[in-house]
C-alpha atoms as a PDB file:
ATOM      1  CA  UNK A   1      93.578 -27.391 -63.868  1.00  0.00           C
ATOM      2  CA  UNK A   2      95.438 -24.551 -62.215  1.00  0.00           C
ATOM      3  CA  UNK A   3      93.830 -21.147 -62.541  1.00  0.00           C
ATOM      4  CA  UNK A   4      95.954 -18.283 -63.762  1.00  0.00           C
ATOM      5  CA  UNK A   5      95.795 -14.753 -62.333  1.00  0.00           C
ATOM      6  CA  UNK A   6      97.437 -11.556 -63.573  1.00  0.00           C
ATOM      7  CA  UNK A   7      98.324  -8.606 -61.367  1.00  0.00           C
ATOM      8  CA  UNK A   8      99.237  -5.550 -63.480  1.00  0.00           C
ATOM      9  CA  UNK A   9     101.260  -2.692 -62.016  1.00  0.00           C
ATOM     10  CA  UNK A  10     100.994   0.536 -63.981  1.00  0.00           C
ATOM     11  CA  UNK A  11     103.862   2.650 -62.700  1.00  0.00           C
ATOM     12  CA  UNK A  12     103.083   6.080 -64.186  1.00  0.00           C
ATOM     13  CA  UNK A  13     102.263   8.707 -63.149  1.00  0.00           C
ATOM     14  CA  UNK A  14     101.788   7.249 -59.651  1.00  0.00           C
ATOM     15  CA  UNK A  15     102.465   3.601 -58.850  1.00  0.00           C
ATOM     16  CA  UNK A  16     100.636   1.764 -56.093  1.00  0.00           C
ATOM     17  CA  UNK A  17     102.327   0.835 -52.822  1.00  0.00           C
ATOM     18  CA  UNK A  18     103.662  -2.550 -51.754  1.00  0.00           C
ATOM     19  CA  UNK A  19     100.386  -3.216 -49.914  1.00  0.00           C
ATOM     20  CA  UNK A  20      98.964  -4.216 -53.284  1.00  0.00           C
ATOM     21  CA  UNK A  21     101.601  -6.910 -53.726  1.00  0.00           C
ATOM     22  CA  UNK A  22     100.680  -8.415 -50.353  1.00  0.00           C
ATOM     23  CA  UNK A  23      96.975  -8.507 -51.182  1.00  0.00           C
ATOM     24  CA  UNK A  24      97.520  -9.817 -54.708  1.00  0.00           C
ATOM     25  CA  UNK A  25      99.594 -12.756 -53.504  1.00  0.00           C
ATOM     26  CA  UNK A  26      97.115 -13.502 -50.710  1.00  0.00           C
ATOM     27  CA  UNK A  27      94.170 -13.450 -53.146  1.00  0.00           C
ATOM     28  CA  UNK A  28      95.969 -15.665 -55.647  1.00  0.00           C
ATOM     29  CA  UNK A  29      96.558 -18.138 -52.834  1.00  0.00           C
ATOM     30  CA  UNK A  30      92.831 -18.110 -51.979  1.00  0.00           C
ATOM     31  CA  UNK A  31      92.039 -18.727 -55.662  1.00  0.00           C
ATOM     32  CA  UNK A  32      94.550 -21.591 -55.878  1.00  0.00           C
ATOM     33  CA  UNK A  33      95.977 -19.727 -58.846  1.00  0.00           C
ATOM     34  CA  UNK A  34      99.401 -19.271 -60.325  1.00  0.00           C
ATOM     35  CA  UNK A  35     100.310 -15.591 -60.219  1.00  0.00           C
ATOM     36  CA  UNK A  36     101.699 -13.576 -63.093  1.00  0.00           C
ATOM     37  CA  UNK A  37     102.973 -10.087 -62.274  1.00  0.00           C
ATOM     38  CA  UNK A  38     103.188  -7.455 -64.992  1.00  0.00           C
ATOM     39  CA  UNK A  39     104.902  -4.077 -64.737  1.00  0.00           C
ATOM     40  CA  UNK A  40     103.658  -1.574 -67.315  1.00  0.00           C
ATOM     41  CA  UNK A  41     106.197   1.246 -67.389  1.00  0.00           C
ATOM     42  CA  UNK A  42     105.969   4.491 -69.286  1.00  0.00           C
ATOM     43  CA  UNK A  43     107.680   5.283 -72.594  1.00  0.00           C
ATOM     44  CA  UNK A  44     107.136   8.980 -73.260  1.00  0.00           C
ATOM     45  CA  UNK A  45     107.498  10.105 -76.887  1.00  0.00           C
ATOM     46  CA  UNK A  46     110.153  12.794 -77.452  1.00  0.00           C
ATOM     47  CA  UNK A  47     109.025  16.395 -77.655  1.00  0.00           C
ATOM     48  CA  UNK A  48     110.116  18.221 -80.803  1.00  0.00           C
ATOM     49  CA  UNK A  49     109.159  21.725 -79.664  1.00  0.00           C
ATOM     50  CA  UNK A  50     112.309  23.857 -79.366  1.00  0.00           C
ATOM     51  CA  UNK A  51     110.932  25.903 -76.476  1.00  0.00           C
ATOM     52  CA  UNK A  52     110.280  22.726 -74.481  1.00  0.00           C
ATOM     53  CA  UNK A  53     113.762  21.433 -75.209  1.00  0.00           C
ATOM     54  CA  UNK A  54     115.785  24.460 -74.312  1.00  0.00           C
ATOM     55  CA  UNK A  55     113.737  26.415 -71.771  1.00  0.00           C
ATOM     56  CA  UNK A  56     112.009  23.615 -69.865  1.00  0.00           C
ATOM     57  CA  UNK A  57     114.605  20.896 -70.460  1.00  0.00           C
ATOM     58  CA  UNK A  58     111.766  18.551 -71.331  1.00  0.00           C
ATOM     59  CA  UNK A  59     113.992  15.708 -72.603  1.00  0.00           C
ATOM     60  CA  UNK A  60     115.630  15.459 -69.176  1.00  0.00           C
ATOM     61  CA  UNK A  61     112.252  15.524 -67.424  1.00  0.00           C
ATOM     62  CA  UNK A  62     111.062  12.716 -69.681  1.00  0.00           C
ATOM     63  CA  UNK A  63     114.206  10.701 -68.987  1.00  0.00           C
ATOM     64  CA  UNK A  64     113.759  11.085 -65.235  1.00  0.00           C
ATOM     65  CA  UNK A  65     110.089  10.073 -65.409  1.00  0.00           C
ATOM     66  CA  UNK A  66     110.939   6.951 -67.405  1.00  0.00           C
ATOM     67  CA  UNK A  67     113.742   5.999 -65.016  1.00  0.00           C
ATOM     68  CA  UNK A  68     111.452   6.452 -62.015  1.00  0.00           C
ATOM     69  CA  UNK A  69     108.727   4.379 -63.664  1.00  0.00           C
ATOM     70  CA  UNK A  70     111.095   1.573 -64.608  1.00  0.00           C
ATOM     71  CA  UNK A  71     112.669   1.481 -61.170  1.00  0.00           C
ATOM     72  CA  UNK A  72     109.284   1.291 -59.466  1.00  0.00           C
ATOM     73  CA  UNK A  73     108.195  -1.468 -61.822  1.00  0.00           C
ATOM     74  CA  UNK A  74     111.202  -3.565 -60.896  1.00  0.00           C
ATOM     75  CA  UNK A  75     110.574  -2.920 -57.203  1.00  0.00           C
ATOM     76  CA  UNK A  76     106.961  -4.101 -57.529  1.00  0.00           C
ATOM     77  CA  UNK A  77     107.915  -7.291 -59.335  1.00  0.00           C
ATOM     78  CA  UNK A  78     110.592  -8.032 -56.751  1.00  0.00           C
ATOM     79  CA  UNK A  79     108.128  -7.436 -53.914  1.00  0.00           C
ATOM     80  CA  UNK A  80     105.614  -9.861 -55.439  1.00  0.00           C
ATOM     81  CA  UNK A  81     108.229 -12.581 -55.852  1.00  0.00           C
ATOM     82  CA  UNK A  82     109.394 -12.105 -52.278  1.00  0.00           C
ATOM     83  CA  UNK A  83     105.865 -12.181 -50.883  1.00  0.00           C
ATOM     84  CA  UNK A  84     104.987 -15.289 -52.893  1.00  0.00           C
ATOM     85  CA  UNK A  85     107.736 -17.295 -51.221  1.00  0.00           C
ATOM     86  CA  UNK A  86     105.682 -17.243 -48.019  1.00  0.00           C
ATOM     87  CA  UNK A  87     102.969 -19.200 -49.836  1.00  0.00           C
ATOM     88  CA  UNK A  88     105.327 -21.458 -51.794  1.00  0.00           C
ATOM     89  CA  UNK A  89     103.737 -19.960 -54.902  1.00  0.00           C
ATOM     90  CA  UNK A  90     105.212 -19.820 -58.381  1.00  0.00           C
ATOM     91  CA  UNK A  91     105.295 -16.318 -59.833  1.00  0.00           C
ATOM     92  CA  UNK A  92     106.228 -15.241 -63.325  1.00  0.00           C
ATOM     93  CA  UNK A  93     107.141 -11.633 -64.045  1.00  0.00           C
ATOM     94  CA  UNK A  94     107.081  -9.527 -67.172  1.00  0.00           C
ATOM     95  CA  UNK A  95     107.790  -5.903 -68.070  1.00  0.00           C
ATOM     96  CA  UNK A  96     106.232  -3.901 -70.895  1.00  0.00           C
ATOM     97  CA  UNK A  97     106.418  -0.236 -71.838  1.00  0.00           C
ATOM     98  CA  UNK A  98     103.754   1.993 -73.368  1.00  0.00           C
ATOM     99  CA  UNK A  99     102.958   5.613 -74.072  1.00  0.00           C
ATOM    100  CA  UNK A 100     101.153   7.426 -71.228  1.00  0.00           C
ATOM    101  CA  UNK A 101      97.749   7.231 -72.928  1.00  0.00           C
ATOM    102  CA  UNK A 102      98.062   3.479 -73.570  1.00  0.00           C
ATOM    103  CA  UNK A 103      99.218   2.168 -70.180  1.00  0.00           C
ATOM    104  CA  UNK A 104      95.763   0.983 -69.120  1.00  0.00           C
ATOM    105  CA  UNK A 105      95.045  -0.517 -72.542  1.00  0.00           C
ATOM    106  CA  UNK A 106      98.221  -2.598 -72.367  1.00  0.00           C
ATOM    107  CA  UNK A 107      97.233  -3.940 -68.944  1.00  0.00           C
ATOM    108  CA  UNK A 108      93.732  -4.791 -70.228  1.00  0.00           C
ATOM    109  CA  UNK A 109      94.999  -6.615 -73.315  1.00  0.00           C
ATOM    110  CA  UNK A 110      97.442  -8.682 -71.280  1.00  0.00           C
ATOM    111  CA  UNK A 111      94.682  -9.644 -68.825  1.00  0.00           C
ATOM    112  CA  UNK A 112      92.728 -11.366 -71.609  1.00  0.00           C
ATOM    113  CA  UNK A 113      95.059 -14.350 -71.398  1.00  0.00           C
ATOM    114  CA  UNK A 114      94.268 -15.143 -67.744  1.00  0.00           C
ATOM    115  CA  UNK A 115      91.346 -16.407 -65.676  1.00  0.00           C
ATOM    116  CA  UNK A 116      91.342 -13.440 -63.303  1.00  0.00           C
ATOM    117  CA  UNK A 117      92.882  -9.992 -63.127  1.00  0.00           C
ATOM    118  CA  UNK A 118      93.854  -8.733 -59.667  1.00  0.00           C
ATOM    119  CA  UNK A 119      94.020  -4.946 -59.535  1.00  0.00           C
ATOM    120  CA  UNK A 120      95.136  -2.942 -56.528  1.00  0.00           C
ATOM    121  CA  UNK A 121      93.074   0.079 -55.535  1.00  0.00           C
ATOM    122  CA  UNK A 122      94.270   2.966 -53.408  1.00  0.00           C
ATOM    123  CA  UNK A 123      92.437   6.054 -52.246  1.00  0.00           C
ATOM    124  CA  UNK A 124      93.610   9.261 -53.939  1.00  0.00           C
ATOM    125  CA  UNK A 125      95.640   7.310 -56.488  1.00  0.00           C
ATOM    126  CA  UNK A 126      94.266   8.176 -59.918  1.00  0.00           C
ATOM    127  CA  UNK A 127      96.535   5.637 -61.616  1.00  0.00           C
ATOM    128  CA  UNK A 128      94.996   2.748 -59.690  1.00  0.00           C
ATOM    129  CA  UNK A 129      91.476   3.835 -60.660  1.00  0.00           C
ATOM    130  CA  UNK A 130      92.493   4.300 -64.293  1.00  0.00           C
ATOM    131  CA  UNK A 131      93.994   0.818 -64.319  1.00  0.00           C
ATOM    132  CA  UNK A 132      90.885  -0.672 -62.733  1.00  0.00           C
ATOM    133  CA  UNK A 133      88.562   0.935 -65.281  1.00  0.00           C
ATOM    134  CA  UNK A 134      90.747  -0.121 -68.200  1.00  0.00           C
ATOM    135  CA  UNK A 135      90.975  -3.747 -67.096  1.00  0.00           C
ATOM    136  CA  UNK A 136      87.330  -4.107 -66.050  1.00  0.00           C
ATOM    137  CA  UNK A 137      85.946  -2.728 -69.296  1.00  0.00           C
ATOM    138  CA  UNK A 138      88.710  -3.692 -71.702  1.00  0.00           C
ATOM    139  CA  UNK A 139      89.892  -7.163 -70.744  1.00  0.00           C
ATOM    140  CA  UNK A 140      86.733  -9.253 -70.976  1.00  0.00           C
ATOM    141  CA  UNK A 141      87.907 -11.101 -67.863  1.00  0.00           C
ATOM    142  CA  UNK A 142      86.629 -10.990 -64.270  1.00  0.00           C
ATOM    143  CA  UNK A 143      88.574  -8.399 -62.319  1.00  0.00           C
ATOM    144  CA  UNK A 144      89.026  -8.524 -58.557  1.00  0.00           C
ATOM    145  CA  UNK A 145      89.712  -5.127 -57.021  1.00  0.00           C
ATOM    146  CA  UNK A 146      91.895  -5.210 -53.921  1.00  0.00           C
ATOM    147  CA  UNK A 147      91.706  -2.232 -51.539  1.00  0.00           C
ATOM    148  CA  UNK A 148      95.004  -1.305 -49.916  1.00  0.00           C
ATOM    149  CA  UNK A 149      93.631  -1.302 -46.360  1.00  0.00           C
ATOM    150  CA  UNK A 150      91.749  -4.594 -46.621  1.00  0.00           C
ATOM    151  CA  UNK A 151      93.128  -7.895 -45.385  1.00  0.00           C
ATOM    152  CA  UNK A 152      92.366 -10.862 -47.630  1.00  0.00           C
ATOM    153  CA  UNK A 153      90.542 -13.455 -45.558  1.00  0.00           C
ATOM    154  CA  UNK A 154      88.920 -16.801 -46.283  1.00  0.00           C
ATOM    155  CA  UNK A 155      86.467 -16.600 -49.175  1.00  0.00           C
ATOM    156  CA  UNK A 156      83.856 -18.665 -47.366  1.00  0.00           C
ATOM    157  CA  UNK A 157      81.116 -15.995 -47.423  1.00  0.00           C
ATOM    158  CA  UNK A 158      80.478 -14.260 -50.747  1.00  0.00           C
ATOM    159  CA  UNK A 159      77.900 -11.564 -51.433  1.00  0.00           C
ATOM    160  CA  UNK A 160      76.334 -11.050 -54.876  1.00  0.00           C
ATOM    161  CA  UNK A 161      74.892  -7.717 -55.983  1.00  0.00           C
ATOM    162  CA  UNK A 162      71.901  -8.799 -58.074  1.00  0.00           C
ATOM    163  CA  UNK A 163      69.530  -6.751 -60.218  1.00  0.00           C
ATOM    164  CA  UNK A 164      68.717  -9.303 -62.891  1.00  0.00           C
ATOM    165  CA  UNK A 165      70.826  -7.540 -65.529  1.00  0.00           C
ATOM    166  CA  UNK A 166      73.098  -9.043 -68.159  1.00  0.00           C
ATOM    167  CA  UNK A 167      76.273  -7.829 -66.477  1.00  0.00           C
ATOM    168  CA  UNK A 168      75.126  -9.157 -63.097  1.00  0.00           C
ATOM    169  CA  UNK A 169      74.479 -12.557 -64.670  1.00  0.00           C
ATOM    170  CA  UNK A 170      77.916 -12.442 -66.268  1.00  0.00           C
ATOM    171  CA  UNK A 171      79.496 -11.705 -62.879  1.00  0.00           C
ATOM    172  CA  UNK A 172      77.721 -14.673 -61.273  1.00  0.00           C
ATOM    173  CA  UNK A 173      78.931 -16.957 -64.060  1.00  0.00           C
ATOM    174  CA  UNK A 174      82.484 -15.611 -63.804  1.00  0.00           C
ATOM    175  CA  UNK A 175      82.534 -16.242 -60.053  1.00  0.00           C
ATOM    176  CA  UNK A 176      81.187 -19.789 -60.262  1.00  0.00           C
ATOM    177  CA  UNK A 177      84.374 -21.476 -59.083  1.00  0.00           C
ATOM    178  CA  UNK A 178      84.469 -19.211 -56.033  1.00  0.00           C
ATOM    179  CA  UNK A 179      80.774 -19.686 -55.285  1.00  0.00           C
ATOM    180  CA  UNK A 180      81.162 -23.465 -55.370  1.00  0.00           C
ATOM    181  CA  UNK A 181      83.724 -23.235 -52.557  1.00  0.00           C
ATOM    182  CA  UNK A 182      81.729 -20.827 -50.366  1.00  0.00           C
ATOM    183  CA  UNK A 183      79.907 -21.965 -47.250  1.00  0.00           C
ATOM    184  CA  UNK A 184      77.513 -19.004 -47.432  1.00  0.00           C
ATOM    185  CA  UNK A 185      76.234 -16.856 -50.300  1.00  0.00           C
ATOM    186  CA  UNK A 186      74.164 -13.708 -49.804  1.00  0.00           C
ATOM    187  CA  UNK A 187      72.222 -12.413 -52.812  1.00  0.00           C
ATOM    188  CA  UNK A 188      71.816  -8.659 -52.224  1.00  0.00           C
ATOM    189  CA  UNK A 189      69.052  -6.857 -54.102  1.00  0.00           C
ATOM    190  CA  UNK A 190      68.528  -3.129 -53.613  1.00  0.00           C
ATOM    191  CA  UNK A 191      64.772  -2.677 -53.844  1.00  0.00           C
ATOM    192  CA  UNK A 192      64.420   1.110 -53.756  1.00  0.00           C
ATOM    193  CA  UNK A 193      67.181   2.327 -56.094  1.00  0.00           C
ATOM    194  CA  UNK A 194      65.664   1.696 -59.536  1.00  0.00           C
ATOM    195  CA  UNK A 195      62.678  -0.112 -61.086  1.00  0.00           C
ATOM    196  CA  UNK A 196      63.263  -3.853 -61.231  1.00  0.00           C
ATOM    197  CA  UNK A 197      61.997  -6.040 -64.041  1.00  0.00           C
ATOM    198  CA  UNK A 198      60.326  -8.574 -61.802  1.00  0.00           C
ATOM    199  CA  UNK A 199      59.588  -9.142 -58.160  1.00  0.00           C
ATOM    200  CA  UNK A 200      61.557 -11.422 -55.891  1.00  0.00           C
ATOM    201  CA  UNK A 201      64.405 -11.675 -58.382  1.00  0.00           C
ATOM    202  CA  UNK A 202      66.904 -12.062 -55.564  1.00  0.00           C
ATOM    203  CA  UNK A 203      65.079 -15.100 -54.246  1.00  0.00           C
ATOM    204  CA  UNK A 204      64.843 -16.496 -57.764  1.00  0.00           C
ATOM    205  CA  UNK A 205      68.645 -16.382 -58.137  1.00  0.00           C
ATOM    206  CA  UNK A 206      69.158 -17.774 -54.628  1.00  0.00           C
ATOM    207  CA  UNK A 207      66.774 -20.640 -55.377  1.00  0.00           C
ATOM    208  CA  UNK A 208      68.620 -21.416 -58.585  1.00  0.00           C
ATOM    209  CA  UNK A 209      71.921 -21.496 -56.728  1.00  0.00           C
ATOM    210  CA  UNK A 210      70.456 -23.749 -54.037  1.00  0.00           C
ATOM    211  CA  UNK A 211      69.287 -26.186 -56.717  1.00  0.00           C
ATOM    212  CA  UNK A 212      72.920 -26.377 -57.756  1.00  0.00           C
ATOM    213  CA  UNK A 213      73.863 -27.281 -54.208  1.00  0.00           C
ATOM    214  CA  UNK A 214      75.091 -23.841 -53.198  1.00  0.00           C
ATOM    215  CA  UNK A 215      74.182 -22.296 -49.799  1.00  0.00           C
ATOM    216  CA  UNK A 216      72.467 -19.122 -51.019  1.00  0.00           C
ATOM    217  CA  UNK A 217      69.979 -16.805 -49.385  1.00  0.00           C
ATOM    218  CA  UNK A 218      68.245 -13.688 -50.726  1.00  0.00           C
ATOM    219  CA  UNK A 219      68.582 -10.394 -48.857  1.00  0.00           C
ATOM    220  CA  UNK A 220      66.513  -7.336 -49.829  1.00  0.00           C
ATOM    221  CA  UNK A 221      68.178  -4.077 -48.825  1.00  0.00           C
ATOM    222  CA  UNK A 222      67.424  -0.357 -49.063  1.00  0.00           C
ATOM    223  CA  UNK A 223      69.783   2.486 -49.852  1.00  0.00           C
ATOM    224  CA  UNK A 224      68.738   4.620 -46.869  1.00  0.00           C
ATOM    225  CA  UNK A 225      69.789   7.773 -48.786  1.00  0.00           C
ATOM    226  CA  UNK A 226      73.299   6.392 -49.279  1.00  0.00           C
ATOM    227  CA  UNK A 227      74.984   5.890 -52.665  1.00  0.00           C
ATOM    228  CA  UNK A 228      74.238   2.404 -53.938  1.00  0.00           C
ATOM    229  CA  UNK A 229      77.924   1.467 -54.069  1.00  0.00           C
ATOM    230  CA  UNK A 230      78.272   2.310 -50.390  1.00  0.00           C
ATOM    231  CA  UNK A 231      75.033   0.493 -49.537  1.00  0.00           C
ATOM    232  CA  UNK A 232      76.105  -2.734 -51.210  1.00  0.00           C
ATOM    233  CA  UNK A 233      79.561  -2.707 -49.656  1.00  0.00           C
ATOM    234  CA  UNK A 234      78.321  -1.833 -46.184  1.00  0.00           C
ATOM    235  CA  UNK A 235      75.769  -4.662 -46.205  1.00  0.00           C
ATOM    236  CA  UNK A 236      78.365  -7.094 -47.479  1.00  0.00           C
ATOM    237  CA  UNK A 237      80.815  -6.082 -44.752  1.00  0.00           C
ATOM    238  CA  UNK A 238      78.196  -6.092 -41.998  1.00  0.00           C
ATOM    239  CA  UNK A 239      77.145  -9.623 -42.958  1.00  0.00           C
ATOM    240  CA  UNK A 240      80.742 -10.815 -42.838  1.00  0.00           C
ATOM    241  CA  UNK A 241      81.241 -11.344 -46.572  1.00  0.00           C
ATOM    242  CA  UNK A 242      84.866 -11.483 -47.725  1.00  0.00           C
ATOM    243  CA  UNK A 243      84.084 -10.704 -51.367  1.00  0.00           C
ATOM    244  CA  UNK A 244      81.365  -8.839 -53.273  1.00  0.00           C
ATOM    245  CA  UNK A 245      80.465 -10.033 -56.770  1.00  0.00           C
ATOM    246  CA  UNK A 246      78.785  -7.559 -59.120  1.00  0.00           C
ATOM    247  CA  UNK A 247      78.447  -6.501 -62.721  1.00  0.00           C
ATOM    248  CA  UNK A 248      80.407  -3.524 -63.984  1.00  0.00           C
ATOM    249  CA  UNK A 249      78.283  -0.926 -65.751  1.00  0.00           C
ATOM    250  CA  UNK A 250      79.820   1.486 -68.222  1.00  0.00           C
ATOM    251  CA  UNK A 251      79.425   2.790 -71.749  1.00  0.00           C
ATOM    252  CA  UNK A 252      81.130   5.214 -74.093  1.00  0.00           C
ATOM    253  CA  UNK A 253      79.541   8.587 -74.785  1.00  0.00           C
ATOM    254  CA  UNK A 254      81.426  10.735 -77.280  1.00  0.00           C
ATOM    255  CA  UNK A 255      84.923  10.869 -75.708  1.00  0.00           C
ATOM    256  CA  UNK A 256      83.893  10.232 -72.133  1.00  0.00           C
ATOM    257  CA  UNK A 257      83.385   6.881 -70.463  1.00  0.00           C
ATOM    258  CA  UNK A 258      80.262   6.939 -68.336  1.00  0.00           C
ATOM    259  CA  UNK A 259      80.120   4.619 -65.337  1.00  0.00           C
ATOM    260  CA  UNK A 260      76.986   3.219 -63.763  1.00  0.00           C
ATOM    261  CA  UNK A 261      76.114   4.522 -60.300  1.00  0.00           C
ATOM    262  CA  UNK A 262      77.062   1.388 -58.381  1.00  0.00           C
ATOM    263  CA  UNK A 263      80.261   0.864 -60.383  1.00  0.00           C
ATOM    264  CA  UNK A 264      81.330   4.468 -59.917  1.00  0.00           C
ATOM    265  CA  UNK A 265      80.662   4.193 -56.190  1.00  0.00           C
ATOM    266  CA  UNK A 266      82.840   1.095 -55.966  1.00  0.00           C
ATOM    267  CA  UNK A 267      85.711   2.653 -57.906  1.00  0.00           C
ATOM    268  CA  UNK A 268      85.565   5.858 -55.871  1.00  0.00           C
ATOM    269  CA  UNK A 269      85.316   4.253 -52.432  1.00  0.00           C
ATOM    270  CA  UNK A 270      86.381   0.602 -52.336  1.00  0.00           C
ATOM    271  CA  UNK A 271      85.856  -0.983 -48.920  1.00  0.00           C
ATOM    272  CA  UNK A 272      86.334  -4.725 -49.490  1.00  0.00           C
ATOM    273  CA  UNK A 273      87.528  -6.966 -52.329  1.00  0.00           C
ATOM    274  CA  UNK A 274      85.065  -6.799 -55.233  1.00  0.00           C
ATOM    275  CA  UNK A 275      84.852  -9.021 -58.297  1.00  0.00           C
ATOM    276  CA  UNK A 276      83.560  -7.024 -61.261  1.00  0.00           C
ATOM    277  CA  UNK A 277      82.605  -8.377 -64.678  1.00  0.00           C
ATOM    278  CA  UNK A 278      81.516  -6.419 -67.723  1.00  0.00           C
END
């Protein structure tokens, strides 16, 4: 059975660069997945305020923003199709429009129909972070974040961020197909960041994976006064891991969405591809 992966491109207010298309196609190839590219362009409701119409020329500003968004969406879809030819990969493309406040929600809902969502991440690009948050917490599907400056290599060494939680267990289950193909699995447990429910939980997971025939080892690490998201990524990179698997923590509080410390650290400073499940 061929796996199916979606890469959503939200094009407003700031679309990602073509580096995301390169990484998305490369990751889909590593997953042996068919790739589906989605452009989510903006459809801004008309403004009825007379002052906005006549003094600020808001209708024209809206028209220009929508044209720019649509043009960039087409460019992204074309770039994906062109890049995919190098891998002899089939790509399907689709375009949807949504109001500014619903762009991320549309991407998340579309991702529910696929095995993986591939989301590009770029430093100082608020749209890419918004898209990542929406898909991670709204799709119900494993989401692989792809940093713009990272080259997608062989997924032979995978690191797992493990704290024994429900979301961490969900991430391990969601990454099973990738873990079964790895030649090395490192189970990373941060032992000085928060109270853990039981001792040696990293070794317990590693042992369970080994009983399933997977080459897993437990690694206890310390934060060393660094944010936990940085600690996990740095250890994964230093050990040569090509992908970090972890649970995505987040919950609603009044009108704000509150991220867990590790998840926030990942979304603020992504250093390698990370598979997040919520």
